[in-house]
C-alpha atoms as a PDB file:
ATOM      1  CA  UNK A   1     114.029  79.634  83.239  1.00  0.00           C
ATOM      2  CA  UNK A   2     117.263  80.216  85.093  1.00  0.00           C
ATOM      3  CA  UNK A   3     118.570  78.464  88.203  1.00  0.00           C
ATOM      4  CA  UNK A   4     119.547  80.477  91.256  1.00  0.00           C
ATOM      5  CA  UNK A   5     121.277  77.488  92.807  1.00  0.00           C
ATOM      6  CA  UNK A   6     118.428  77.493  95.322  1.00  0.00           C
ATOM      7  CA  UNK A   7     115.401  77.239  93.065  1.00  0.00           C
ATOM      8  CA  UNK A   8     114.412  77.873  89.459  1.00  0.00           C
ATOM      9  CA  UNK A   9     113.444  81.303  88.190  1.00  0.00           C
ATOM     10  CA  UNK A  10     110.489  81.089  85.809  1.00  0.00           C
ATOM     11  CA  UNK A  11     109.487  83.964  83.532  1.00  0.00           C
ATOM     12  CA  UNK A  12     105.783  84.718  83.222  1.00  0.00           C
ATOM     13  CA  UNK A  13     104.262  81.644  84.892  1.00  0.00           C
ATOM     14  CA  UNK A  14     100.602  81.266  85.788  1.00  0.00           C
ATOM     15  CA  UNK A  15     100.033  81.510  89.550  1.00  0.00           C
ATOM     16  CA  UNK A  16      96.746  80.137  90.866  1.00  0.00           C
ATOM     17  CA  UNK A  17      94.757  82.570  93.030  1.00  0.00           C
ATOM     18  CA  UNK A  18      91.963  81.317  95.298  1.00  0.00           C
ATOM     19  CA  UNK A  19      88.602  83.025  95.084  1.00  0.00           C
ATOM     20  CA  UNK A  20      87.306  85.600  97.518  1.00  0.00           C
ATOM     21  CA  UNK A  21      85.432  84.445 100.633  1.00  0.00           C
ATOM     22  CA  UNK A  22      82.098  85.282  98.978  1.00  0.00           C
ATOM     23  CA  UNK A  23      82.975  83.118  95.953  1.00  0.00           C
ATOM     24  CA  UNK A  24      84.496  79.866  97.272  1.00  0.00           C
ATOM     25  CA  UNK A  25      85.566  77.379  94.645  1.00  0.00           C
ATOM     26  CA  UNK A  26      86.242  80.115  92.112  1.00  0.00           C
ATOM     27  CA  UNK A  27      89.882  80.332  91.050  1.00  0.00           C
ATOM     28  CA  UNK A  28      91.840  82.418  88.594  1.00  0.00           C
ATOM     29  CA  UNK A  29      95.466  83.144  87.865  1.00  0.00           C
ATOM     30  CA  UNK A  30      97.924  85.999  87.714  1.00  0.00           C
ATOM     31  CA  UNK A  31     101.051  86.139  85.581  1.00  0.00           C
ATOM     32  CA  UNK A  32     103.974  87.798  87.381  1.00  0.00           C
ATOM     33  CA  UNK A  33     107.076  88.758  85.447  1.00  0.00           C
ATOM     34  CA  UNK A  34     109.147  86.259  87.455  1.00  0.00           C
ATOM     35  CA  UNK A  35     108.534  83.538  90.022  1.00  0.00           C
ATOM     36  CA  UNK A  36     111.155  81.810  92.151  1.00  0.00           C
ATOM     37  CA  UNK A  37     110.405  78.567  93.899  1.00  0.00           C
ATOM     38  CA  UNK A  38     111.969  75.556  95.529  1.00  0.00           C
ATOM     39  CA  UNK A  39     109.313  73.463  93.756  1.00  0.00           C
ATOM     40  CA  UNK A  40     109.951  71.654  90.526  1.00  0.00           C
ATOM     41  CA  UNK A  41     110.087  74.312  87.790  1.00  0.00           C
ATOM     42  CA  UNK A  42     106.667  74.923  86.310  1.00  0.00           C
ATOM     43  CA  UNK A  43     104.741  77.238  84.125  1.00  0.00           C
ATOM     44  CA  UNK A  44     101.663  76.772  86.305  1.00  0.00           C
ATOM     45  CA  UNK A  45     101.533  77.014  90.091  1.00  0.00           C
ATOM     46  CA  UNK A  46      98.233  75.600  91.261  1.00  0.00           C
ATOM     47  CA  UNK A  47      96.175  77.034  94.096  1.00  0.00           C
ATOM     48  CA  UNK A  48      97.748  75.927  97.366  1.00  0.00           C
ATOM     49  CA  UNK A  49     101.211  75.423  95.815  1.00  0.00           C
ATOM     50  CA  UNK A  50     102.504  78.940  95.119  1.00  0.00           C
ATOM     51  CA  UNK A  51     106.086  79.964  94.453  1.00  0.00           C
ATOM     52  CA  UNK A  52     107.945  81.457  97.422  1.00  0.00           C
ATOM     53  CA  UNK A  53     108.714  84.734  95.617  1.00  0.00           C
ATOM     54  CA  UNK A  54     107.049  86.654  92.790  1.00  0.00           C
ATOM     55  CA  UNK A  55     108.535  89.691  91.103  1.00  0.00           C
ATOM     56  CA  UNK A  56     106.761  92.355  89.070  1.00  0.00           C
ATOM     57  CA  UNK A  57     108.689  94.887  86.985  1.00  0.00           C
ATOM     58  CA  UNK A  58     106.769  98.123  86.559  1.00  0.00           C
ATOM     59  CA  UNK A  59     106.069  99.196  83.008  1.00  0.00           C
ATOM     60  CA  UNK A  60     104.629 102.530  84.180  1.00  0.00           C
ATOM     61  CA  UNK A  61     105.818 104.729  86.993  1.00  0.00           C
ATOM     62  CA  UNK A  62     102.542 104.471  88.928  1.00  0.00           C
ATOM     63  CA  UNK A  63     102.216 100.689  89.130  1.00  0.00           C
ATOM     64  CA  UNK A  64      98.589 100.871  90.223  1.00  0.00           C
ATOM     65  CA  UNK A  65      97.677  97.255  89.448  1.00  0.00           C
ATOM     66  CA  UNK A  66     100.841  95.900  91.083  1.00  0.00           C
ATOM     67  CA  UNK A  67     100.139  97.818  94.315  1.00  0.00           C
ATOM     68  CA  UNK A  68      96.398  97.110  94.503  1.00  0.00           C
ATOM     69  CA  UNK A  69      94.926  94.098  92.720  1.00  0.00           C
ATOM     70  CA  UNK A  70      98.058  91.997  92.334  1.00  0.00           C
ATOM     71  CA  UNK A  71      99.322  92.571  95.874  1.00  0.00           C
ATOM     72  CA  UNK A  72      95.962  91.418  97.276  1.00  0.00           C
ATOM     73  CA  UNK A  73      95.821  88.386  94.973  1.00  0.00           C
ATOM     74  CA  UNK A  74      99.382  87.273  95.727  1.00  0.00           C
ATOM     75  CA  UNK A  75      98.723  87.597  99.469  1.00  0.00           C
ATOM     76  CA  UNK A  76      95.551  85.496  99.135  1.00  0.00           C
ATOM     77  CA  UNK A  77      97.588  82.886  97.225  1.00  0.00           C
ATOM     78  CA  UNK A  78      99.993  82.674 100.181  1.00  0.00           C
ATOM     79  CA  UNK A  79     103.134  83.830  98.371  1.00  0.00           C
ATOM     80  CA  UNK A  80     105.610  84.642 101.146  1.00  0.00           C
ATOM     81  CA  UNK A  81     107.471  87.425  99.390  1.00  0.00           C
ATOM     82  CA  UNK A  82     106.579  89.906  96.659  1.00  0.00           C
ATOM     83  CA  UNK A  83     108.989  92.328  95.001  1.00  0.00           C
ATOM     84  CA  UNK A  84     108.019  95.318  92.889  1.00  0.00           C
ATOM     85  CA  UNK A  85     110.942  96.436  90.738  1.00  0.00           C
ATOM     86  CA  UNK A  86     110.602 100.110  89.868  1.00  0.00           C
ATOM     87  CA  UNK A  87     113.116 100.877  87.085  1.00  0.00           C
ATOM     88  CA  UNK A  88     111.986 104.523  86.905  1.00  0.00           C
ATOM     89  CA  UNK A  89     113.086 105.369  90.446  1.00  0.00           C
ATOM     90  CA  UNK A  90     115.566 102.454  90.695  1.00  0.00           C
ATOM     91  CA  UNK A  91     113.905 101.036  93.781  1.00  0.00           C
ATOM     92  CA  UNK A  92     112.936  97.484  94.685  1.00  0.00           C
ATOM     93  CA  UNK A  93     110.004  97.330  97.087  1.00  0.00           C
ATOM     94  CA  UNK A  94     110.144  94.171  99.192  1.00  0.00           C
ATOM     95  CA  UNK A  95     106.878  92.958 100.726  1.00  0.00           C
ATOM     96  CA  UNK A  96     106.733  90.090 103.229  1.00  0.00           C
ATOM     97  CA  UNK A  97     103.528  88.212 103.985  1.00  0.00           C
ATOM     98  CA  UNK A  98     102.482  88.540 107.645  1.00  0.00           C
ATOM     99  CA  UNK A  99      99.104  87.322 108.929  1.00  0.00           C
ATOM    100  CA  UNK A 100      97.672  87.208 105.412  1.00  0.00           C
ATOM    101  CA  UNK A 101      98.765  90.723 104.398  1.00  0.00           C
ATOM    102  CA  UNK A 102     101.914  92.135 102.871  1.00  0.00           C
ATOM    103  CA  UNK A 103     104.065  94.517 104.836  1.00  0.00           C
ATOM    104  CA  UNK A 104     106.566  96.728 103.047  1.00  0.00           C
ATOM    105  CA  UNK A 105     110.059  96.073 104.401  1.00  0.00           C
ATOM    106  CA  UNK A 106     112.038  99.252 104.969  1.00  0.00           C
ATOM    107  CA  UNK A 107     115.414  99.028 103.240  1.00  0.00           C
ATOM    108  CA  UNK A 108     118.188 101.132 101.801  1.00  0.00           C
ATOM    109  CA  UNK A 109     117.858 101.160  97.973  1.00  0.00           C
ATOM    110  CA  UNK A 110     121.527 100.139  97.616  1.00  0.00           C
ATOM    111  CA  UNK A 111     121.281  97.289 100.141  1.00  0.00           C
ATOM    112  CA  UNK A 112     121.673  93.742  98.827  1.00  0.00           C
ATOM    113  CA  UNK A 113     118.368  91.960  98.232  1.00  0.00           C
ATOM    114  CA  UNK A 114     118.125  88.738 100.240  1.00  0.00           C
ATOM    115  CA  UNK A 115     115.003  86.676  99.534  1.00  0.00           C
ATOM    116  CA  UNK A 116     113.816  85.159 102.813  1.00  0.00           C
ATOM    117  CA  UNK A 117     113.113  81.690 101.368  1.00  0.00           C
ATOM    118  CA  UNK A 118     116.530  81.403  99.723  1.00  0.00           C
ATOM    119  CA  UNK A 119     119.246  81.692 102.348  1.00  0.00           C
ATOM    120  CA  UNK A 120     122.641  82.502 100.961  1.00  0.00           C
ATOM    121  CA  UNK A 121     121.246  84.358  97.940  1.00  0.00           C
ATOM    122  CA  UNK A 122     122.143  88.054  97.708  1.00  0.00           C
ATOM    123  CA  UNK A 123     121.369  90.255  94.716  1.00  0.00           C
ATOM    124  CA  UNK A 124     123.042  93.577  94.133  1.00  0.00           C
ATOM    125  CA  UNK A 125     120.388  96.067  92.941  1.00  0.00           C
ATOM    126  CA  UNK A 126     122.993  97.642  90.640  1.00  0.00           C
ATOM    127  CA  UNK A 127     122.985  94.374  88.645  1.00  0.00           C
ATOM    128  CA  UNK A 128     119.225  94.716  88.189  1.00  0.00           C
ATOM    129  CA  UNK A 129     119.514  98.269  86.885  1.00  0.00           C
ATOM    130  CA  UNK A 130     122.348  97.394  84.513  1.00  0.00           C
ATOM    131  CA  UNK A 131     120.319  94.455  83.146  1.00  0.00           C
ATOM    132  CA  UNK A 132     117.328  96.739  82.528  1.00  0.00           C
ATOM    133  CA  UNK A 133     119.345  99.516  80.850  1.00  0.00           C
END
């Protein structure tokens, strides 16, 4: 865990996901690569108390699970922002939750990343790529 000065960064936490409408009361979890939250640092975020930002780092170029199953689950959990870090193409996809669905935010790949829940935080994408090299 590392502090951003705005909230703790937790590696590989469990994030509670509510069940589908046809299976109320059924819950499961997803494990993003990173979660950032203003909540007390935790390894487990229960249903109804998600982190404000989750980040997935692609291990394959396609990222099928991150762009299908995980994006739907994180939206259902109510996570306000979801980043997909693509080290192959050196792109960070930023998705913002709007009316229960994520919308991809158009951005220049070299533009500073500014998480919406953490005002004053700016991340240079070049720092991400150098850390992953």
